[in-house]
Amino acid sequence: MEIIFIIIALFTLSAAVLAVVTRDRTVSILAAGAAGLFSSILFIILAAPDVAMTEAAIGSGLTTFIFFFALKKVRGGER
């Protein structure tokens, strides 16, 4: 179980670093959503299902949707 925890923690960390380092906004948004999804899996492993569901719904789902919506509005205003 500890090995799985460490692997998912490394995935979370690598997705978060990718979200910060990359220059492409779409990849950055997707990486931030993936980091939220991996952290919700970590919360499941740590026996906190309520926090995991909240993180998956708000942190991964809704925030990613809002970021893409805002990115579409910003790109639409450039034309």
PDB file of N, CA and C in Angstrom:
ATOM      1  N   MET A   1       0.819  -1.188   0.000  1.00  0.00           N
ATOM      2  CA  MET A   1       0.000   0.000   0.000  1.00  0.00           C
ATOM      3  C   MET A   1       0.870   1.263   0.000  1.00  0.00           C
ATOM      4  N   GLU A   2       1.994   1.217   0.685  1.00  0.00           N
ATOM      5  CA  GLU A   2       2.871   2.382   0.726  1.00  0.00           C
ATOM      6  C   GLU A   2       3.499   2.659  -0.633  1.00  0.00           C
ATOM      7  N   ILE A   3       3.759   1.603  -1.388  1.00  0.00           N
ATOM      8  CA  ILE A   3       4.337   1.774  -2.719  1.00  0.00           C
ATOM      9  C   ILE A   3       3.344   2.506  -3.621  1.00  0.00           C
ATOM     10  N   ILE A   4       2.077   2.126  -3.565  1.00  0.00           N
ATOM     11  CA  ILE A   4       1.047   2.790  -4.371  1.00  0.00           C
ATOM     12  C   ILE A   4       0.929   4.253  -3.972  1.00  0.00           C
ATOM     13  N   PHE A   5       0.969   4.516  -2.667  1.00  0.00           N
ATOM     14  CA  PHE A   5       0.898   5.886  -2.172  1.00  0.00           C
ATOM     15  C   PHE A   5       2.052   6.727  -2.714  1.00  0.00           C
ATOM     16  N   ILE A   6       3.251   6.178  -2.698  1.00  0.00           N
ATOM     17  CA  ILE A   6       4.431   6.901  -3.178  1.00  0.00           C
ATOM     18  C   ILE A   6       4.339   7.144  -4.685  1.00  0.00           C
ATOM     19  N   ILE A   7       3.882   6.157  -5.432  1.00  0.00           N
ATOM     20  CA  ILE A   7       3.765   6.310  -6.883  1.00  0.00           C
ATOM     21  C   ILE A   7       2.747   7.389  -7.232  1.00  0.00           C
ATOM     22  N   ILE A   8       1.593   7.374  -6.583  1.00  0.00           N
ATOM     23  CA  ILE A   8       0.575   8.387  -6.871  1.00  0.00           C
ATOM     24  C   ILE A   8       1.031   9.761  -6.403  1.00  0.00           C
ATOM     25  N   ALA A   9       1.762   9.819  -5.297  1.00  0.00           N
ATOM     26  CA  ALA A   9       2.311  11.102  -4.838  1.00  0.00           C
ATOM     27  C   ALA A   9       3.312  11.658  -5.849  1.00  0.00           C
ATOM     28  N   LEU A  10       4.113  10.792  -6.448  1.00  0.00           N
ATOM     29  CA  LEU A  10       5.053  11.242  -7.484  1.00  0.00           C
ATOM     30  C   LEU A  10       4.327  11.716  -8.738  1.00  0.00           C
ATOM     31  N   PHE A  11       3.241  11.021  -9.103  1.00  0.00           N
ATOM     32  CA  PHE A  11       2.420  11.478 -10.226  1.00  0.00           C
ATOM     33  C   PHE A  11       1.817  12.848  -9.942  1.00  0.00           C
ATOM     34  N   THR A  12       1.343  13.041  -8.715  1.00  0.00           N
ATOM     35  CA  THR A  12       0.772  14.330  -8.330  1.00  0.00           C
ATOM     36  C   THR A  12       1.818  15.427  -8.424  1.00  0.00           C
ATOM     37  N   LEU A  13       2.983  15.163  -7.895  1.00  0.00           N
ATOM     38  CA  LEU A  13       4.059  16.141  -7.925  1.00  0.00           C
ATOM     39  C   LEU A  13       4.502  16.452  -9.350  1.00  0.00           C
ATOM     40  N   SER A  14       4.621  15.425 -10.175  1.00  0.00           N
ATOM     41  CA  SER A  14       5.058  15.666 -11.555  1.00  0.00           C
ATOM     42  C   SER A  14       3.997  16.427 -12.352  1.00  0.00           C
ATOM     43  N   ALA A  15       2.724  16.151 -12.113  1.00  0.00           N
ATOM     44  CA  ALA A  15       1.670  16.906 -12.796  1.00  0.00           C
ATOM     45  C   ALA A  15       1.658  18.360 -12.347  1.00  0.00           C
ATOM     46  N   ALA A  16       1.886  18.597 -11.065  1.00  0.00           N
ATOM     47  CA  ALA A  16       1.927  19.971 -10.565  1.00  0.00           C
ATOM     48  C   ALA A  16       3.118  20.735 -11.133  1.00  0.00           C
ATOM     49  N   VAL A  17       4.269  20.081 -11.209  1.00  0.00           N
ATOM     50  CA  VAL A  17       5.448  20.731 -11.794  1.00  0.00           C
ATOM     51  C   VAL A  17       5.221  21.011 -13.272  1.00  0.00           C
ATOM     52  N   LEU A  18       4.612  20.082 -13.976  1.00  0.00           N
ATOM     53  CA  LEU A  18       4.311  20.286 -15.390  1.00  0.00           C
ATOM     54  C   LEU A  18       3.355  21.460 -15.573  1.00  0.00           C
ATOM     55  N   ALA A  19       2.385  21.595 -14.689  1.00  0.00           N
ATOM     56  CA  ALA A  19       1.430  22.709 -14.776  1.00  0.00           C
ATOM     57  C   ALA A  19       2.123  24.054 -14.607  1.00  0.00           C
ATOM     58  N   VAL A  20       3.148  24.101 -13.796  1.00  0.00           N
ATOM     59  CA  VAL A  20       3.852  25.362 -13.547  1.00  0.00           C
ATOM     60  C   VAL A  20       4.894  25.648 -14.623  1.00  0.00           C
ATOM     61  N   VAL A  21       5.577  24.625 -15.098  1.00  0.00           N
ATOM     62  CA  VAL A  21       6.729  24.811 -15.981  1.00  0.00           C
ATOM     63  C   VAL A  21       6.337  25.021 -17.442  1.00  0.00           C
ATOM     64  N   THR A  22       5.306  24.372 -17.902  1.00  0.00           N
ATOM     65  CA  THR A  22       4.988  24.402 -19.335  1.00  0.00           C
ATOM     66  C   THR A  22       4.531  25.788 -19.794  1.00  0.00           C
ATOM     67  N   ARG A  23       4.773  26.082 -21.067  1.00  0.00           N
ATOM     68  CA  ARG A  23       4.387  27.374 -21.636  1.00  0.00           C
ATOM     69  C   ARG A  23       3.013  27.306 -22.301  1.00  0.00           C
ATOM     70  N   ASP A  24       2.583  26.113 -22.665  1.00  0.00           N
ATOM     71  CA  ASP A  24       1.289  25.936 -23.323  1.00  0.00           C
ATOM     72  C   ASP A  24       0.175  25.978 -22.277  1.00  0.00           C
ATOM     73  N   ARG A  25      -0.777  26.860 -22.471  1.00  0.00           N
ATOM     74  CA  ARG A  25      -1.839  27.044 -21.479  1.00  0.00           C
ATOM     75  C   ARG A  25      -2.753  25.837 -21.379  1.00  0.00           C
ATOM     76  N   THR A  26      -3.037  25.199 -22.502  1.00  0.00           N
ATOM     77  CA  THR A  26      -3.915  24.032 -22.481  1.00  0.00           C
ATOM     78  C   THR A  26      -3.283  22.890 -21.704  1.00  0.00           C
ATOM     79  N   VAL A  27      -2.017  22.634 -21.942  1.00  0.00           N
ATOM     80  CA  VAL A  27      -1.308  21.577 -21.212  1.00  0.00           C
ATOM     81  C   VAL A  27      -1.231  21.917 -19.735  1.00  0.00           C
ATOM     82  N   SER A  28      -1.043  23.181 -19.435  1.00  0.00           N
ATOM     83  CA  SER A  28      -0.972  23.611 -18.041  1.00  0.00           C
ATOM     84  C   SER A  28      -2.301  23.386 -17.320  1.00  0.00           C
ATOM     85  N   ILE A  29      -3.399  23.700 -17.976  1.00  0.00           N
ATOM     86  CA  ILE A  29      -4.714  23.481 -17.367  1.00  0.00           C
ATOM     87  C   ILE A  29      -4.975  21.998 -17.170  1.00  0.00           C
ATOM     88  N   LEU A  30      -4.654  21.194 -18.168  1.00  0.00           N
ATOM     89  CA  LEU A  30      -4.863  19.747 -18.042  1.00  0.00           C
ATOM     90  C   LEU A  30      -3.975  19.140 -16.955  1.00  0.00           C
ATOM     91  N   ALA A  31      -2.753  19.619 -16.849  1.00  0.00           N
ATOM     92  CA  ALA A  31      -1.846  19.108 -15.819  1.00  0.00           C
ATOM     93  C   ALA A  31      -2.331  19.496 -14.424  1.00  0.00           C
ATOM     94  N   ALA A  32      -2.864  20.700 -14.274  1.00  0.00           N
ATOM     95  CA  ALA A  32      -3.408  21.109 -12.983  1.00  0.00           C
ATOM     96  C   ALA A  32      -4.625  20.256 -12.614  1.00  0.00           C
ATOM     97  N   GLY A  33      -5.460  19.950 -13.599  1.00  0.00           N
ATOM     98  CA  GLY A  33      -6.596  19.058 -13.354  1.00  0.00           C
ATOM     99  C   GLY A  33      -6.147  17.655 -12.985  1.00  0.00           C
ATOM    100  N   ALA A  34      -5.099  17.178 -13.630  1.00  0.00           N
ATOM    101  CA  ALA A  34      -4.563  15.854 -13.305  1.00  0.00           C
ATOM    102  C   ALA A  34      -3.966  15.832 -11.902  1.00  0.00           C
ATOM    103  N   ALA A  35      -3.320  16.909 -11.506  1.00  0.00           N
ATOM    104  CA  ALA A  35      -2.774  16.981 -10.148  1.00  0.00           C
ATOM    105  C   ALA A  35      -3.902  16.924  -9.121  1.00  0.00           C
ATOM    106  N   GLY A  36      -4.998  17.594  -9.400  1.00  0.00           N
ATOM    107  CA  GLY A  36      -6.160  17.519  -8.507  1.00  0.00           C
ATOM    108  C   GLY A  36      -6.760  16.124  -8.464  1.00  0.00           C
ATOM    109  N   LEU A  37      -6.809  15.478  -9.613  1.00  0.00           N
ATOM    110  CA  LEU A  37      -7.351  14.122  -9.661  1.00  0.00           C
ATOM    111  C   LEU A  37      -6.470  13.136  -8.893  1.00  0.00           C
ATOM    112  N   PHE A  38      -5.161  13.251  -9.062  1.00  0.00           N
ATOM    113  CA  PHE A  38      -4.248  12.380  -8.323  1.00  0.00           C
ATOM    114  C   PHE A  38      -4.311  12.645  -6.820  1.00  0.00           C
ATOM    115  N   SER A  39      -4.484  13.907  -6.452  1.00  0.00           N
ATOM    116  CA  SER A  39      -4.595  14.191  -5.012  1.00  0.00           C
ATOM    117  C   SER A  39      -5.893  13.642  -4.446  1.00  0.00           C
ATOM    118  N   SER A  40      -6.955  13.604  -5.234  1.00  0.00           N
ATOM    119  CA  SER A  40      -8.187  12.992  -4.737  1.00  0.00           C
ATOM    120  C   SER A  40      -8.017  11.485  -4.559  1.00  0.00           C
ATOM    121  N   ILE A  41      -7.212  10.859  -5.409  1.00  0.00           N
ATOM    122  CA  ILE A  41      -6.907   9.435  -5.216  1.00  0.00           C
ATOM    123  C   ILE A  41      -6.108   9.235  -3.932  1.00  0.00           C
ATOM    124  N   LEU A  42      -5.203  10.161  -3.653  1.00  0.00           N
ATOM    125  CA  LEU A  42      -4.448  10.086  -2.398  1.00  0.00           C
ATOM    126  C   LEU A  42      -5.374  10.216  -1.189  1.00  0.00           C
ATOM    127  N   PHE A  43      -6.374  11.071  -1.287  1.00  0.00           N
ATOM    128  CA  PHE A  43      -7.329  11.206  -0.184  1.00  0.00           C
ATOM    129  C   PHE A  43      -8.140   9.930   0.018  1.00  0.00           C
ATOM    130  N   ILE A  44      -8.442   9.228  -1.067  1.00  0.00           N
ATOM    131  CA  ILE A  44      -9.133   7.937  -0.940  1.00  0.00           C
ATOM    132  C   ILE A  44      -8.246   6.948  -0.198  1.00  0.00           C
ATOM    133  N   ILE A  45      -6.964   6.903  -0.546  1.00  0.00           N
ATOM    134  CA  ILE A  45      -6.027   5.991   0.121  1.00  0.00           C
ATOM    135  C   ILE A  45      -5.909   6.337   1.598  1.00  0.00           C
ATOM    136  N   LEU A  46      -5.962   7.633   1.914  1.00  0.00           N
ATOM    137  CA  LEU A  46      -5.838   8.072   3.304  1.00  0.00           C
ATOM    138  C   LEU A  46      -7.157   7.986   4.076  1.00  0.00           C
ATOM    139  N   ALA A  47      -8.169   7.361   3.491  1.00  0.00           N
ATOM    140  CA  ALA A  47      -9.469   7.115   4.122  1.00  0.00           C
ATOM    141  C   ALA A  47     -10.215   8.412   4.428  1.00  0.00           C
ATOM    142  N   ALA A  48     -10.216   9.315   3.465  1.00  0.00           N
ATOM    143  CA  ALA A  48     -10.986  10.548   3.582  1.00  0.00           C
ATOM    144  C   ALA A  48     -11.859  10.699   2.335  1.00  0.00           C
ATOM    145  N   PRO A  49     -12.910   9.880   2.224  1.00  0.00           N
ATOM    146  CA  PRO A  49     -13.700   9.902   0.981  1.00  0.00           C
ATOM    147  C   PRO A  49     -14.457  11.208   0.754  1.00  0.00           C
ATOM    148  N   ASP A  50     -14.862  11.897   1.816  1.00  0.00           N
ATOM    149  CA  ASP A  50     -15.573  13.154   1.632  1.00  0.00           C
ATOM    150  C   ASP A  50     -14.664  14.230   1.034  1.00  0.00           C
ATOM    151  N   VAL A  51     -13.441  14.283   1.512  1.00  0.00           N
ATOM    152  CA  VAL A  51     -12.473  15.236   0.965  1.00  0.00           C
ATOM    153  C   VAL A  51     -12.114  14.849  -0.464  1.00  0.00           C
ATOM    154  N   ALA A  52     -12.006  13.547  -0.737  1.00  0.00           N
ATOM    155  CA  ALA A  52     -11.670  13.078  -2.081  1.00  0.00           C
ATOM    156  C   ALA A  52     -12.760  13.448  -3.080  1.00  0.00           C
ATOM    157  N   MET A  53     -14.010  13.287  -2.692  1.00  0.00           N
ATOM    158  CA  MET A  53     -15.101  13.634  -3.600  1.00  0.00           C
ATOM    159  C   MET A  53     -15.154  15.138  -3.855  1.00  0.00           C
ATOM    160  N   THR A  54     -14.902  15.916  -2.820  1.00  0.00           N
ATOM    161  CA  THR A  54     -14.894  17.368  -2.989  1.00  0.00           C
ATOM    162  C   THR A  54     -13.742  17.797  -3.892  1.00  0.00           C
ATOM    163  N   GLU A  55     -12.581  17.215  -3.690  1.00  0.00           N
ATOM    164  CA  GLU A  55     -11.417  17.549  -4.520  1.00  0.00           C
ATOM    165  C   GLU A  55     -11.650  17.136  -5.967  1.00  0.00           C
ATOM    166  N   ALA A  56     -12.248  15.985  -6.185  1.00  0.00           N
ATOM    167  CA  ALA A  56     -12.500  15.530  -7.550  1.00  0.00           C
ATOM    168  C   ALA A  56     -13.532  16.418  -8.240  1.00  0.00           C
ATOM    169  N   ALA A  57     -14.567  16.800  -7.509  1.00  0.00           N
ATOM    170  CA  ALA A  57     -15.625  17.608  -8.122  1.00  0.00           C
ATOM    171  C   ALA A  57     -15.197  19.051  -8.332  1.00  0.00           C
ATOM    172  N   ILE A  58     -14.643  19.665  -7.312  1.00  0.00           N
ATOM    173  CA  ILE A  58     -14.300  21.082  -7.388  1.00  0.00           C
ATOM    174  C   ILE A  58     -12.881  21.271  -7.932  1.00  0.00           C
ATOM    175  N   GLY A  59     -11.912  20.613  -7.316  1.00  0.00           N
ATOM    176  CA  GLY A  59     -10.517  20.819  -7.678  1.00  0.00           C
ATOM    177  C   GLY A  59     -10.175  20.358  -9.073  1.00  0.00           C
ATOM    178  N   SER A  60     -10.695  19.223  -9.472  1.00  0.00           N
ATOM    179  CA  SER A  60     -10.374  18.700 -10.803  1.00  0.00           C
ATOM    180  C   SER A  60     -11.400  19.113 -11.845  1.00  0.00           C
ATOM    181  N   GLY A  61     -12.645  18.866 -11.549  1.00  0.00           N
ATOM    182  CA  GLY A  61     -13.684  19.074 -12.556  1.00  0.00           C
ATOM    183  C   GLY A  61     -14.057  20.517 -12.804  1.00  0.00           C
ATOM    184  N   LEU A  62     -14.589  21.173 -11.798  1.00  0.00           N
ATOM    185  CA  LEU A  62     -15.117  22.519 -11.973  1.00  0.00           C
ATOM    186  C   LEU A  62     -14.019  23.540 -12.271  1.00  0.00           C
ATOM    187  N   THR A  63     -12.911  23.448 -11.568  1.00  0.00           N
ATOM    188  CA  THR A  63     -11.824  24.399 -11.790  1.00  0.00           C
ATOM    189  C   THR A  63     -11.249  24.269 -13.198  1.00  0.00           C
ATOM    190  N   THR A  64     -11.087  23.048 -13.670  1.00  0.00           N
ATOM    191  CA  THR A  64     -10.588  22.841 -15.033  1.00  0.00           C
ATOM    192  C   THR A  64     -11.566  23.409 -16.056  1.00  0.00           C
ATOM    193  N   PHE A  65     -12.855  23.182 -15.834  1.00  0.00           N
ATOM    194  CA  PHE A  65     -13.875  23.725 -16.733  1.00  0.00           C
ATOM    195  C   PHE A  65     -13.839  25.255 -16.746  1.00  0.00           C
ATOM    196  N   ILE A  66     -13.738  25.866 -15.589  1.00  0.00           N
ATOM    197  CA  ILE A  66     -13.703  27.333 -15.503  1.00  0.00           C
ATOM    198  C   ILE A  66     -12.447  27.884 -16.174  1.00  0.00           C
ATOM    199  N   PHE A  67     -11.306  27.213 -15.997  1.00  0.00           N
ATOM    200  CA  PHE A  67     -10.080  27.662 -16.652  1.00  0.00           C
ATOM    201  C   PHE A  67     -10.210  27.596 -18.174  1.00  0.00           C
ATOM    202  N   PHE A  68     -10.783  26.507 -18.698  1.00  0.00           N
ATOM    203  CA  PHE A  68     -10.960  26.412 -20.143  1.00  0.00           C
ATOM    204  C   PHE A  68     -11.965  27.443 -20.648  1.00  0.00           C
ATOM    205  N   PHE A  69     -13.007  27.693 -19.885  1.00  0.00           N
ATOM    206  CA  PHE A  69     -13.992  28.709 -20.256  1.00  0.00           C
ATOM    207  C   PHE A  69     -13.339  30.088 -20.305  1.00  0.00           C
ATOM    208  N   ALA A  70     -12.533  30.410 -19.303  1.00  0.00           N
ATOM    209  CA  ALA A  70     -11.848  31.701 -19.278  1.00  0.00           C
ATOM    210  C   ALA A  70     -10.826  31.800 -20.412  1.00  0.00           C
ATOM    211  N   LEU A  71     -10.132  30.715 -20.688  1.00  0.00           N
ATOM    212  CA  LEU A  71      -9.156  30.719 -21.782  1.00  0.00           C
ATOM    213  C   LEU A  71      -9.856  30.948 -23.119  1.00  0.00           C
ATOM    214  N   LYS A  72     -11.036  30.362 -23.302  1.00  0.00           N
ATOM    215  CA  LYS A  72     -11.801  30.571 -24.539  1.00  0.00           C
ATOM    216  C   LYS A  72     -12.214  32.038 -24.649  1.00  0.00           C
ATOM    217  N   LYS A  73     -12.636  32.638 -23.544  1.00  0.00           N
ATOM    218  CA  LYS A  73     -13.041  34.044 -23.579  1.00  0.00           C
ATOM    219  C   LYS A  73     -11.853  34.959 -23.885  1.00  0.00           C
ATOM    220  N   VAL A  74     -10.706  34.657 -23.317  1.00  0.00           N
ATOM    221  CA  VAL A  74      -9.519  35.478 -23.549  1.00  0.00           C
ATOM    222  C   VAL A  74      -9.065  35.332 -25.001  1.00  0.00           C
ATOM    223  N   ARG A  75      -9.037  34.125 -25.510  1.00  0.00           N
ATOM    224  CA  ARG A  75      -8.631  33.925 -26.909  1.00  0.00           C
ATOM    225  C   ARG A  75      -9.638  34.526 -27.859  1.00  0.00           C
ATOM    226  N   GLY A  76     -10.918  34.499 -27.496  1.00  0.00           N
ATOM    227  CA  GLY A  76     -11.949  35.102 -28.349  1.00  0.00           C
ATOM    228  C   GLY A  76     -11.822  36.608 -28.417  1.00  0.00           C
ATOM    229  N   GLY A  77     -11.315  37.234 -27.361  1.00  0.00           N
ATOM    230  CA  GLY A  77     -11.158  38.682 -27.347  1.00  0.00           C
ATOM    231  C   GLY A  77      -9.958  39.172 -28.127  1.00  0.00           C
ATOM    232  N   GLU A  78      -9.038  38.270 -28.483  1.00  0.00           N
ATOM    233  CA  GLU A  78      -7.826  38.665 -29.209  1.00  0.00           C
ATOM    234  C   GLU A  78      -8.115  38.920 -30.678  1.00  0.00           C
ATOM    235  N   ARG A  79      -9.186  38.367 -31.208  1.00  0.00           N
ATOM    236  CA  ARG A  79      -9.450  38.475 -32.663  1.00  0.00           C
ATOM    237  C   ARG A  79     -10.067  39.769 -33.040  1.00  0.00           C
TER     238      ARG A  79
END
